[in-house]
Amino acid sequence: MRGASAKDDFIFSHKDGKPIHNFKKGYSALLDAAGVALDDQGQKRSLYSLRHTYATFRLHEGVNQYALARNMGTSVQMLETFYGHTTNRTMATELTKNKGKQRKAPLWE
């Protein structure tokens, strides 16, 4: 925000350049202001929910699970355990491919 940054500047900092030590308060205020503090099950969202959202979106987009696991610093087994329910649409599309034939759009598209 203040122009060029030095290589030892903090990425997440206050306007004065001092590091932010706790994101929880600001994150909660942002969610409250946006009206999305609670998830669809009435649970308060946490910073960790951003990781869940990231993984879910990538899997819906068909990102390779091995590449995603490496990117997230986890295992394919963990992705399958916690996000396996999100890959059903991708799996259905993959299994109904017709090589060399024009594919009809699935009913859910």
PDB file of N, CA and C in Angstrom:
ATOM      1  N   MET A   1       0.816  -1.197   0.000  1.00  0.00           N
ATOM      2  CA  MET A   1       0.000   0.000   0.000  1.00  0.00           C
ATOM      3  C   MET A   1       0.861   1.263   0.000  1.00  0.00           C
ATOM      4  N   ARG A   2       2.039   1.156   0.523  1.00  0.00           N
ATOM      5  CA  ARG A   2       2.870   2.350   0.636  1.00  0.00           C
ATOM      6  C   ARG A   2       3.957   2.411  -0.430  1.00  0.00           C
ATOM      7  N   GLY A   3       3.787   1.680  -1.496  1.00  0.00           N
ATOM      8  CA  GLY A   3       4.765   1.685  -2.568  1.00  0.00           C
ATOM      9  C   GLY A   3       5.557   0.397  -2.591  1.00  0.00           C
ATOM     10  N   ALA A   4       6.797   0.503  -3.028  1.00  0.00           N
ATOM     11  CA  ALA A   4       7.651  -0.677  -3.108  1.00  0.00           C
ATOM     12  C   ALA A   4       7.923  -1.219  -1.713  1.00  0.00           C
ATOM     13  N   SER A   5       8.011  -2.529  -1.637  1.00  0.00           N
ATOM     14  CA  SER A   5       8.262  -3.150  -0.341  1.00  0.00           C
ATOM     15  C   SER A   5       9.647  -3.781  -0.324  1.00  0.00           C
ATOM     16  N   ALA A   6      10.188  -3.859   0.870  1.00  0.00           N
ATOM     17  CA  ALA A   6      11.488  -4.498   1.051  1.00  0.00           C
ATOM     18  C   ALA A   6      11.277  -5.999   1.200  1.00  0.00           C
ATOM     19  N   LYS A   7      12.311  -6.783   0.951  1.00  0.00           N
ATOM     20  CA  LYS A   7      12.161  -8.232   1.002  1.00  0.00           C
ATOM     21  C   LYS A   7      11.866  -8.743   2.401  1.00  0.00           C
ATOM     22  N   ASP A   8      12.133  -7.958   3.443  1.00  0.00           N
ATOM     23  CA  ASP A   8      11.836  -8.397   4.805  1.00  0.00           C
ATOM     24  C   ASP A   8      10.554  -7.780   5.366  1.00  0.00           C
ATOM     25  N   ASP A   9       9.778  -7.085   4.515  1.00  0.00           N
ATOM     26  CA  ASP A   9       8.478  -6.560   4.943  1.00  0.00           C
ATOM     27  C   ASP A   9       7.509  -7.711   5.185  1.00  0.00           C
ATOM     28  N   PHE A  10       6.575  -7.499   6.102  1.00  0.00           N
ATOM     29  CA  PHE A  10       5.558  -8.499   6.369  1.00  0.00           C
ATOM     30  C   PHE A  10       4.502  -8.458   5.270  1.00  0.00           C
ATOM     31  N   ILE A  11       3.983  -9.611   4.888  1.00  0.00           N
ATOM     32  CA  ILE A  11       2.941  -9.682   3.879  1.00  0.00           C
ATOM     33  C   ILE A  11       1.622  -9.203   4.466  1.00  0.00           C
ATOM     34  N   PHE A  12       1.313  -9.668   5.663  1.00  0.00           N
ATOM     35  CA  PHE A  12       0.098  -9.264   6.351  1.00  0.00           C
ATOM     36  C   PHE A  12       0.498  -8.341   7.484  1.00  0.00           C
ATOM     37  N   SER A  13       0.198  -7.058   7.317  1.00  0.00           N
ATOM     38  CA  SER A  13       0.606  -6.088   8.319  1.00  0.00           C
ATOM     39  C   SER A  13      -0.440  -4.992   8.473  1.00  0.00           C
ATOM     40  N   HIS A  14      -0.305  -4.267   9.571  1.00  0.00           N
ATOM     41  CA  HIS A  14      -1.133  -3.084   9.780  1.00  0.00           C
ATOM     42  C   HIS A  14      -0.639  -1.992   8.835  1.00  0.00           C
ATOM     43  N   LYS A  15      -1.376  -0.902   8.735  1.00  0.00           N
ATOM     44  CA  LYS A  15      -0.981   0.190   7.837  1.00  0.00           C
ATOM     45  C   LYS A  15       0.402   0.737   8.142  1.00  0.00           C
ATOM     46  N   ASP A  16       0.809   0.653   9.415  1.00  0.00           N
ATOM     47  CA  ASP A  16       2.126   1.161   9.799  1.00  0.00           C
ATOM     48  C   ASP A  16       3.261   0.170   9.531  1.00  0.00           C
ATOM     49  N   GLY A  17       2.928  -1.014   8.984  1.00  0.00           N
ATOM     50  CA  GLY A  17       3.930  -2.006   8.650  1.00  0.00           C
ATOM     51  C   GLY A  17       4.202  -3.025   9.738  1.00  0.00           C
ATOM     52  N   LYS A  18       3.624  -2.833  10.925  1.00  0.00           N
ATOM     53  CA  LYS A  18       3.822  -3.795  12.006  1.00  0.00           C
ATOM     54  C   LYS A  18       3.014  -5.056  11.711  1.00  0.00           C
ATOM     55  N   PRO A  19       3.555  -6.224  12.095  1.00  0.00           N
ATOM     56  CA  PRO A  19       2.864  -7.478  11.769  1.00  0.00           C
ATOM     57  C   PRO A  19       1.546  -7.637  12.510  1.00  0.00           C
ATOM     58  N   ILE A  20       0.627  -8.313  11.864  1.00  0.00           N
ATOM     59  CA  ILE A  20      -0.634  -8.685  12.502  1.00  0.00           C
ATOM     60  C   ILE A  20      -0.374 -10.002  13.214  1.00  0.00           C
ATOM     61  N   HIS A  21      -0.619 -10.031  14.498  1.00  0.00           N
ATOM     62  CA  HIS A  21      -0.344 -11.242  15.270  1.00  0.00           C
ATOM     63  C   HIS A  21      -1.564 -12.136  15.419  1.00  0.00           C
ATOM     64  N   ASN A  22      -2.754 -11.576  15.220  1.00  0.00           N
ATOM     65  CA  ASN A  22      -3.962 -12.371  15.409  1.00  0.00           C
ATOM     66  C   ASN A  22      -5.017 -11.931  14.396  1.00  0.00           C
ATOM     67  N   PHE A  23      -5.393 -12.833  13.518  1.00  0.00           N
ATOM     68  CA  PHE A  23      -6.377 -12.539  12.476  1.00  0.00           C
ATOM     69  C   PHE A  23      -7.806 -12.800  12.926  1.00  0.00           C
ATOM     70  N   LYS A  24      -7.971 -13.480  14.044  1.00  0.00           N
ATOM     71  CA  LYS A  24      -9.289 -13.955  14.463  1.00  0.00           C
ATOM     72  C   LYS A  24     -10.310 -12.822  14.600  1.00  0.00           C
ATOM     73  N   LYS A  25      -9.945 -11.750  15.262  1.00  0.00           N
ATOM     74  CA  LYS A  25     -10.877 -10.646  15.494  1.00  0.00           C
ATOM     75  C   LYS A  25     -11.296  -9.988  14.171  1.00  0.00           C
ATOM     76  N   GLY A  26     -10.330  -9.697  13.332  1.00  0.00           N
ATOM     77  CA  GLY A  26     -10.626  -9.070  12.043  1.00  0.00           C
ATOM     78  C   GLY A  26     -11.430  -9.983  11.128  1.00  0.00           C
ATOM     79  N   TYR A  27     -11.092 -11.267  11.143  1.00  0.00           N
ATOM     80  CA  TYR A  27     -11.807 -12.242  10.323  1.00  0.00           C
ATOM     81  C   TYR A  27     -13.260 -12.349  10.767  1.00  0.00           C
ATOM     82  N   SER A  28     -13.474 -12.403  12.075  1.00  0.00           N
ATOM     83  CA  SER A  28     -14.838 -12.478  12.610  1.00  0.00           C
ATOM     84  C   SER A  28     -15.634 -11.225  12.249  1.00  0.00           C
ATOM     85  N   ALA A  29     -14.998 -10.058  12.349  1.00  0.00           N
ATOM     86  CA  ALA A  29     -15.674  -8.806  12.001  1.00  0.00           C
ATOM     87  C   ALA A  29     -16.039  -8.777  10.519  1.00  0.00           C
ATOM     88  N   LEU A  30     -15.151  -9.275   9.677  1.00  0.00           N
ATOM     89  CA  LEU A  30     -15.415  -9.323   8.234  1.00  0.00           C
ATOM     90  C   LEU A  30     -16.601 -10.239   7.930  1.00  0.00           C
ATOM     91  N   LEU A  31     -16.632 -11.422   8.553  1.00  0.00           N
ATOM     92  CA  LEU A  31     -17.742 -12.352   8.344  1.00  0.00           C
ATOM     93  C   LEU A  31     -19.054 -11.777   8.836  1.00  0.00           C
ATOM     94  N   ASP A  32     -19.025 -11.108   9.987  1.00  0.00           N
ATOM     95  CA  ASP A  32     -20.233 -10.468  10.516  1.00  0.00           C
ATOM     96  C   ASP A  32     -20.736  -9.402   9.553  1.00  0.00           C
ATOM     97  N   ALA A  33     -19.837  -8.553   9.070  1.00  0.00           N
ATOM     98  CA  ALA A  33     -20.216  -7.479   8.153  1.00  0.00           C
ATOM     99  C   ALA A  33     -20.796  -8.026   6.852  1.00  0.00           C
ATOM    100  N   ALA A  34     -20.280  -9.172   6.408  1.00  0.00           N
ATOM    101  CA  ALA A  34     -20.760  -9.789   5.161  1.00  0.00           C
ATOM    102  C   ALA A  34     -22.017 -10.625   5.381  1.00  0.00           C
ATOM    103  N   GLY A  35     -22.368 -10.840   6.651  1.00  0.00           N
ATOM    104  CA  GLY A  35     -23.560 -11.624   6.957  1.00  0.00           C
ATOM    105  C   GLY A  35     -23.385 -13.114   6.751  1.00  0.00           C
ATOM    106  N   VAL A  36     -22.148 -13.616   6.842  1.00  0.00           N
ATOM    107  CA  VAL A  36     -21.884 -15.041   6.624  1.00  0.00           C
ATOM    108  C   VAL A  36     -21.099 -15.662   7.783  1.00  0.00           C
ATOM    109  N   ALA A  37     -21.317 -15.159   8.986  1.00  0.00           N
ATOM    110  CA  ALA A  37     -20.566 -15.647  10.146  1.00  0.00           C
ATOM    111  C   ALA A  37     -20.879 -17.102  10.468  1.00  0.00           C
ATOM    112  N   LEU A  38     -22.078 -17.548  10.112  1.00  0.00           N
ATOM    113  CA  LEU A  38     -22.470 -18.926  10.398  1.00  0.00           C
ATOM    114  C   LEU A  38     -22.597 -19.714   9.103  1.00  0.00           C
ATOM    115  N   ASP A  39     -22.233 -20.987   9.162  1.00  0.00           N
ATOM    116  CA  ASP A  39     -22.373 -21.827   7.981  1.00  0.00           C
ATOM    117  C   ASP A  39     -23.811 -22.330   7.864  1.00  0.00           C
ATOM    118  N   ASP A  40     -24.078 -23.169   6.878  1.00  0.00           N
ATOM    119  CA  ASP A  40     -25.446 -23.641   6.638  1.00  0.00           C
ATOM    120  C   ASP A  40     -25.959 -24.571   7.733  1.00  0.00           C
ATOM    121  N   GLN A  41     -25.086 -24.976   8.644  1.00  0.00           N
ATOM    122  CA  GLN A  41     -25.497 -25.815   9.773  1.00  0.00           C
ATOM    123  C   GLN A  41     -25.534 -25.031  11.081  1.00  0.00           C
ATOM    124  N   GLY A  42     -25.379 -23.703  10.985  1.00  0.00           N
ATOM    125  CA  GLY A  42     -25.443 -22.847  12.162  1.00  0.00           C
ATOM    126  C   GLY A  42     -24.162 -22.784  12.966  1.00  0.00           C
ATOM    127  N   GLN A  43     -23.076 -23.326  12.427  1.00  0.00           N
ATOM    128  CA  GLN A  43     -21.784 -23.309  13.116  1.00  0.00           C
ATOM    129  C   GLN A  43     -21.007 -22.050  12.744  1.00  0.00           C
ATOM    130  N   LYS A  44     -20.299 -21.470  13.715  1.00  0.00           N
ATOM    131  CA  LYS A  44     -19.493 -20.287  13.456  1.00  0.00           C
ATOM    132  C   LYS A  44     -18.313 -20.664  12.563  1.00  0.00           C
ATOM    133  N   ARG A  45     -18.093 -19.878  11.538  1.00  0.00           N
ATOM    134  CA  ARG A  45     -16.976 -20.139  10.628  1.00  0.00           C
ATOM    135  C   ARG A  45     -15.659 -19.765  11.311  1.00  0.00           C
ATOM    136  N   SER A  46     -14.612 -20.484  10.946  1.00  0.00           N
ATOM    137  CA  SER A  46     -13.279 -20.215  11.485  1.00  0.00           C
ATOM    138  C   SER A  46     -12.325 -19.951  10.329  1.00  0.00           C
ATOM    139  N   LEU A  47     -11.130 -19.499  10.646  1.00  0.00           N
ATOM    140  CA  LEU A  47     -10.127 -19.328   9.596  1.00  0.00           C
ATOM    141  C   LEU A  47      -9.867 -20.654   8.884  1.00  0.00           C
ATOM    142  N   TYR A  48      -9.959 -21.755   9.614  1.00  0.00           N
ATOM    143  CA  TYR A  48      -9.729 -23.073   9.027  1.00  0.00           C
ATOM    144  C   TYR A  48     -10.757 -23.381   7.940  1.00  0.00           C
ATOM    145  N   SER A  49     -11.950 -22.777   8.033  1.00  0.00           N
ATOM    146  CA  SER A  49     -12.968 -23.032   7.016  1.00  0.00           C
ATOM    147  C   SER A  49     -12.509 -22.565   5.634  1.00  0.00           C
ATOM    148  N   LEU A  50     -11.562 -21.630   5.577  1.00  0.00           N
ATOM    149  CA  LEU A  50     -11.018 -21.203   4.285  1.00  0.00           C
ATOM    150  C   LEU A  50     -10.271 -22.356   3.607  1.00  0.00           C
ATOM    151  N   ARG A  51      -9.577 -23.161   4.394  1.00  0.00           N
ATOM    152  CA  ARG A  51      -8.873 -24.329   3.853  1.00  0.00           C
ATOM    153  C   ARG A  51      -9.869 -25.332   3.280  1.00  0.00           C
ATOM    154  N   HIS A  52     -10.954 -25.546   4.015  1.00  0.00           N
ATOM    155  CA  HIS A  52     -11.997 -26.461   3.561  1.00  0.00           C
ATOM    156  C   HIS A  52     -12.611 -25.960   2.259  1.00  0.00           C
ATOM    157  N   THR A  53     -12.901 -24.661   2.201  1.00  0.00           N
ATOM    158  CA  THR A  53     -13.474 -24.078   0.989  1.00  0.00           C
ATOM    159  C   THR A  53     -12.524 -24.227  -0.188  1.00  0.00           C
ATOM    160  N   TYR A  54     -11.243 -23.942   0.039  1.00  0.00           N
ATOM    161  CA  TYR A  54     -10.239 -24.071  -1.015  1.00  0.00           C
ATOM    162  C   TYR A  54     -10.215 -25.499  -1.561  1.00  0.00           C
ATOM    163  N   ALA A  55     -10.138 -26.483  -0.669  1.00  0.00           N
ATOM    164  CA  ALA A  55     -10.071 -27.882  -1.099  1.00  0.00           C
ATOM    165  C   ALA A  55     -11.331 -28.280  -1.860  1.00  0.00           C
ATOM    166  N   THR A  56     -12.481 -27.879  -1.342  1.00  0.00           N
ATOM    167  CA  THR A  56     -13.749 -28.228  -1.983  1.00  0.00           C
ATOM    168  C   THR A  56     -13.845 -27.632  -3.378  1.00  0.00           C
ATOM    169  N   PHE A  57     -13.510 -26.357  -3.517  1.00  0.00           N
ATOM    170  CA  PHE A  57     -13.566 -25.701  -4.833  1.00  0.00           C
ATOM    171  C   PHE A  57     -12.611 -26.368  -5.816  1.00  0.00           C
ATOM    172  N   ARG A  58     -11.390 -26.652  -5.395  1.00  0.00           N
ATOM    173  CA  ARG A  58     -10.419 -27.277  -6.301  1.00  0.00           C
ATOM    174  C   ARG A  58     -10.909 -28.646  -6.755  1.00  0.00           C
ATOM    175  N   LEU A  59     -11.464 -29.435  -5.839  1.00  0.00           N
ATOM    176  CA  LEU A  59     -11.960 -30.757  -6.223  1.00  0.00           C
ATOM    177  C   LEU A  59     -13.142 -30.650  -7.173  1.00  0.00           C
ATOM    178  N   HIS A  60     -14.036 -29.695  -6.954  1.00  0.00           N
ATOM    179  CA  HIS A  60     -15.164 -29.491  -7.872  1.00  0.00           C
ATOM    180  C   HIS A  60     -14.674 -29.097  -9.265  1.00  0.00           C
ATOM    181  N   GLU A  61     -13.539 -28.418  -9.317  1.00  0.00           N
ATOM    182  CA  GLU A  61     -12.979 -27.996 -10.611  1.00  0.00           C
ATOM    183  C   GLU A  61     -12.211 -29.128 -11.297  1.00  0.00           C
ATOM    184  N   GLY A  62     -12.114 -30.274 -10.618  1.00  0.00           N
ATOM    185  CA  GLY A  62     -11.457 -31.424 -11.219  1.00  0.00           C
ATOM    186  C   GLY A  62      -9.952 -31.465 -11.055  1.00  0.00           C
ATOM    187  N   VAL A  63      -9.411 -30.698 -10.108  1.00  0.00           N
ATOM    188  CA  VAL A  63      -7.971 -30.707  -9.873  1.00  0.00           C
ATOM    189  C   VAL A  63      -7.551 -32.105  -9.417  1.00  0.00           C
ATOM    190  N   ASN A  64      -6.439 -32.557  -9.922  1.00  0.00           N
ATOM    191  CA  ASN A  64      -5.893 -33.860  -9.563  1.00  0.00           C
ATOM    192  C   ASN A  64      -5.669 -33.919  -8.048  1.00  0.00           C
ATOM    193  N   GLN A  65      -6.165 -34.986  -7.413  1.00  0.00           N
ATOM    194  CA  GLN A  65      -6.079 -35.098  -5.959  1.00  0.00           C
ATOM    195  C   GLN A  65      -4.639 -35.162  -5.455  1.00  0.00           C
ATOM    196  N   TYR A  66      -3.765 -35.802  -6.212  1.00  0.00           N
ATOM    197  CA  TYR A  66      -2.368 -35.882  -5.791  1.00  0.00           C
ATOM    198  C   TYR A  66      -1.741 -34.491  -5.776  1.00  0.00           C
ATOM    199  N   ALA A  67      -1.984 -33.721  -6.836  1.00  0.00           N
ATOM    200  CA  ALA A  67      -1.438 -32.363  -6.905  1.00  0.00           C
ATOM    201  C   ALA A  67      -2.009 -31.487  -5.794  1.00  0.00           C
ATOM    202  N   LEU A  68      -3.299 -31.622  -5.540  1.00  0.00           N
ATOM    203  CA  LEU A  68      -3.932 -30.834  -4.484  1.00  0.00           C
ATOM    204  C   LEU A  68      -3.382 -31.215  -3.109  1.00  0.00           C
ATOM    205  N   ALA A  69      -3.216 -32.498  -2.865  1.00  0.00           N
ATOM    206  CA  ALA A  69      -2.672 -32.956  -1.584  1.00  0.00           C
ATOM    207  C   ALA A  69      -1.271 -32.388  -1.369  1.00  0.00           C
ATOM    208  N   ARG A  70      -0.445 -32.422  -2.391  1.00  0.00           N
ATOM    209  CA  ARG A  70       0.914 -31.857  -2.284  1.00  0.00           C
ATOM    210  C   ARG A  70       0.837 -30.363  -2.012  1.00  0.00           C
ATOM    211  N   ASN A  71      -0.040 -29.657  -2.718  1.00  0.00           N
ATOM    212  CA  ASN A  71      -0.193 -28.214  -2.549  1.00  0.00           C
ATOM    213  C   ASN A  71      -0.630 -27.851  -1.135  1.00  0.00           C
ATOM    214  N   MET A  72      -1.501 -28.668  -0.561  1.00  0.00           N
ATOM    215  CA  MET A  72      -2.046 -28.387   0.765  1.00  0.00           C
ATOM    216  C   MET A  72      -1.203 -28.975   1.895  1.00  0.00           C
ATOM    217  N   GLY A  73      -0.177 -29.736   1.549  1.00  0.00           N
ATOM    218  CA  GLY A  73       0.664 -30.343   2.569  1.00  0.00           C
ATOM    219  C   GLY A  73      -0.047 -31.444   3.331  1.00  0.00           C
ATOM    220  N   THR A  74      -0.820 -32.228   2.606  1.00  0.00           N
ATOM    221  CA  THR A  74      -1.572 -33.309   3.235  1.00  0.00           C
ATOM    222  C   THR A  74      -1.497 -34.542   2.348  1.00  0.00           C
ATOM    223  N   SER A  75      -2.316 -35.517   2.604  1.00  0.00           N
ATOM    224  CA  SER A  75      -2.295 -36.752   1.824  1.00  0.00           C
ATOM    225  C   SER A  75      -3.574 -36.903   1.004  1.00  0.00           C
ATOM    226  N   VAL A  76      -3.485 -37.718  -0.030  1.00  0.00           N
ATOM    227  CA  VAL A  76      -4.663 -38.044  -0.826  1.00  0.00           C
ATOM    228  C   VAL A  76      -5.688 -38.751   0.059  1.00  0.00           C
ATOM    229  N   GLN A  77      -5.200 -39.585   0.980  1.00  0.00           N
ATOM    230  CA  GLN A  77      -6.099 -40.280   1.915  1.00  0.00           C
ATOM    231  C   GLN A  77      -6.927 -39.280   2.714  1.00  0.00           C
ATOM    232  N   MET A  78      -6.308 -38.200   3.199  1.00  0.00           N
ATOM    233  CA  MET A  78      -7.039 -37.194   3.955  1.00  0.00           C
ATOM    234  C   MET A  78      -8.081 -36.521   3.065  1.00  0.00           C
ATOM    235  N   LEU A  79      -7.716 -36.212   1.832  1.00  0.00           N
ATOM    236  CA  LEU A  79      -8.679 -35.600   0.908  1.00  0.00           C
ATOM    237  C   LEU A  79      -9.864 -36.528   0.688  1.00  0.00           C
ATOM    238  N   GLU A  80      -9.592 -37.805   0.487  1.00  0.00           N
ATOM    239  CA  GLU A  80     -10.667 -38.770   0.269  1.00  0.00           C
ATOM    240  C   GLU A  80     -11.547 -38.905   1.504  1.00  0.00           C
ATOM    241  N   THR A  81     -10.933 -38.886   2.683  1.00  0.00           N
ATOM    242  CA  THR A  81     -11.692 -39.032   3.932  1.00  0.00           C
ATOM    243  C   THR A  81     -12.603 -37.845   4.189  1.00  0.00           C
ATOM    244  N   PHE A  82     -12.079 -36.631   4.034  1.00  0.00           N
ATOM    245  CA  PHE A  82     -12.833 -35.437   4.408  1.00  0.00           C
ATOM    246  C   PHE A  82     -13.550 -34.749   3.259  1.00  0.00           C
ATOM    247  N   TYR A  83     -13.150 -35.021   2.017  1.00  0.00           N
ATOM    248  CA  TYR A  83     -13.750 -34.325   0.883  1.00  0.00           C
ATOM    249  C   TYR A  83     -14.272 -35.268  -0.180  1.00  0.00           C
ATOM    250  N   GLY A  84     -14.293 -36.565   0.078  1.00  0.00           N
ATOM    251  CA  GLY A  84     -14.751 -37.543  -0.896  1.00  0.00           C
ATOM    252  C   GLY A  84     -16.152 -37.273  -1.392  1.00  0.00           C
ATOM    253  N   HIS A  85     -16.996 -36.741  -0.531  1.00  0.00           N
ATOM    254  CA  HIS A  85     -18.379 -36.436  -0.918  1.00  0.00           C
ATOM    255  C   HIS A  85     -18.452 -35.337  -1.964  1.00  0.00           C
ATOM    256  N   THR A  86     -17.406 -34.539  -2.097  1.00  0.00           N
ATOM    257  CA  THR A  86     -17.447 -33.421  -3.046  1.00  0.00           C
ATOM    258  C   THR A  86     -17.049 -33.830  -4.455  1.00  0.00           C
ATOM    259  N   THR A  87     -16.529 -35.025  -4.625  1.00  0.00           N
ATOM    260  CA  THR A  87     -16.019 -35.427  -5.938  1.00  0.00           C
ATOM    261  C   THR A  87     -17.019 -36.226  -6.761  1.00  0.00           C
ATOM    262  N   ASN A  88     -18.214 -36.423  -6.273  1.00  0.00           N
ATOM    263  CA  ASN A  88     -19.191 -37.242  -6.995  1.00  0.00           C
ATOM    264  C   ASN A  88     -19.488 -36.700  -8.386  1.00  0.00           C
ATOM    265  N   ARG A  89     -19.682 -35.396  -8.520  1.00  0.00           N
ATOM    266  CA  ARG A  89     -19.996 -34.801  -9.828  1.00  0.00           C
ATOM    267  C   ARG A  89     -18.823 -34.979 -10.781  1.00  0.00           C
ATOM    268  N   THR A  90     -17.616 -34.711 -10.304  1.00  0.00           N
ATOM    269  CA  THR A  90     -16.428 -34.873 -11.137  1.00  0.00           C
ATOM    270  C   THR A  90     -16.264 -36.323 -11.556  1.00  0.00           C
ATOM    271  N   MET A  91     -16.485 -37.242 -10.623  1.00  0.00           N
ATOM    272  CA  MET A  91     -16.350 -38.666 -10.922  1.00  0.00           C
ATOM    273  C   MET A  91     -17.382 -39.096 -11.966  1.00  0.00           C
ATOM    274  N   ALA A  92     -18.611 -38.632 -11.832  1.00  0.00           N
ATOM    275  CA  ALA A  92     -19.654 -38.995 -12.793  1.00  0.00           C
ATOM    276  C   ALA A  92     -19.297 -38.492 -14.181  1.00  0.00           C
ATOM    277  N   THR A  93     -18.803 -37.288 -14.280  1.00  0.00           N
ATOM    278  CA  THR A  93     -18.404 -36.728 -15.575  1.00  0.00           C
ATOM    279  C   THR A  93     -17.260 -37.530 -16.171  1.00  0.00           C
ATOM    280  N   GLU A  94     -16.282 -37.866 -15.337  1.00  0.00           N
ATOM    281  CA  GLU A  94     -15.125 -38.624 -15.798  1.00  0.00           C
ATOM    282  C   GLU A  94     -15.534 -40.010 -16.302  1.00  0.00           C
ATOM    283  N   LEU A  95     -16.430 -40.666 -15.594  1.00  0.00           N
ATOM    284  CA  LEU A  95     -16.821 -42.029 -15.944  1.00  0.00           C
ATOM    285  C   LEU A  95     -17.783 -42.105 -17.125  1.00  0.00           C
ATOM    286  N   THR A  96     -18.367 -40.994 -17.505  1.00  0.00           N
ATOM    287  CA  THR A  96     -19.300 -40.997 -18.624  1.00  0.00           C
ATOM    288  C   THR A  96     -18.713 -40.359 -19.876  1.00  0.00           C
ATOM    289  N   LYS A  97     -17.414 -40.183 -19.906  1.00  0.00           N
ATOM    290  CA  LYS A  97     -16.756 -39.634 -21.090  1.00  0.00           C
ATOM    291  C   LYS A  97     -16.852 -40.624 -22.245  1.00  0.00           C
ATOM    292  N   ASN A  98     -17.017 -40.097 -23.430  1.00  0.00           N
ATOM    293  CA  ASN A  98     -17.003 -40.911 -24.642  1.00  0.00           C
ATOM    294  C   ASN A  98     -15.838 -40.446 -25.494  1.00  0.00           C
ATOM    295  N   LYS A  99     -14.823 -41.258 -25.612  1.00  0.00           N
ATOM    296  CA  LYS A  99     -13.663 -40.893 -26.421  1.00  0.00           C
ATOM    297  C   LYS A  99     -14.067 -40.877 -27.884  1.00  0.00           C
ATOM    298  N   GLY A 100     -13.727 -39.793 -28.559  1.00  0.00           N
ATOM    299  CA  GLY A 100     -13.985 -39.680 -29.981  1.00  0.00           C
ATOM    300  C   GLY A 100     -15.417 -39.317 -30.335  1.00  0.00           C
ATOM    301  N   LYS A 101     -16.314 -39.340 -29.403  1.00  0.00           N
ATOM    302  CA  LYS A 101     -17.700 -38.979 -29.673  1.00  0.00           C
ATOM    303  C   LYS A 101     -18.008 -37.675 -28.963  1.00  0.00           C
ATOM    304  N   GLN A 102     -18.917 -36.916 -29.542  1.00  0.00           N
ATOM    305  CA  GLN A 102     -19.316 -35.677 -28.898  1.00  0.00           C
ATOM    306  C   GLN A 102     -20.144 -36.022 -27.664  1.00  0.00           C
ATOM    307  N   ARG A 103     -19.752 -35.480 -26.543  1.00  0.00           N
ATOM    308  CA  ARG A 103     -20.376 -35.788 -25.277  1.00  0.00           C
ATOM    309  C   ARG A 103     -21.595 -34.896 -25.057  1.00  0.00           C
ATOM    310  N   LYS A 104     -22.692 -35.522 -24.651  1.00  0.00           N
ATOM    311  CA  LYS A 104     -23.873 -34.760 -24.268  1.00  0.00           C
ATOM    312  C   LYS A 104     -23.651 -34.211 -22.867  1.00  0.00           C
ATOM    313  N   ALA A 105     -24.201 -33.037 -22.604  1.00  0.00           N
ATOM    314  CA  ALA A 105     -24.078 -32.449 -21.278  1.00  0.00           C
ATOM    315  C   ALA A 105     -24.856 -33.290 -20.285  1.00  0.00           C
ATOM    316  N   PRO A 106     -24.246 -33.625 -19.132  1.00  0.00           N
ATOM    317  CA  PRO A 106     -24.984 -34.386 -18.109  1.00  0.00           C
ATOM    318  C   PRO A 106     -26.203 -33.598 -17.626  1.00  0.00           C
ATOM    319  N   LEU A 107     -27.160 -34.294 -17.093  1.00  0.00           N
ATOM    320  CA  LEU A 107     -28.401 -33.666 -16.636  1.00  0.00           C
ATOM    321  C   LEU A 107     -28.160 -32.582 -15.595  1.00  0.00           C
ATOM    322  N   TRP A 108     -27.085 -32.712 -14.813  1.00  0.00           N
ATOM    323  CA  TRP A 108     -26.867 -31.759 -13.728  1.00  0.00           C
ATOM    324  C   TRP A 108     -26.170 -30.481 -14.198  1.00  0.00           C
ATOM    325  N   GLU A 109     -25.787 -30.391 -15.455  1.00  0.00           N
ATOM    326  CA  GLU A 109     -25.136 -29.182 -15.963  1.00  0.00           C
ATOM    327  C   GLU A 109     -26.150 -28.251 -16.583  1.00  0.00           C
TER     328      GLU A 109
END
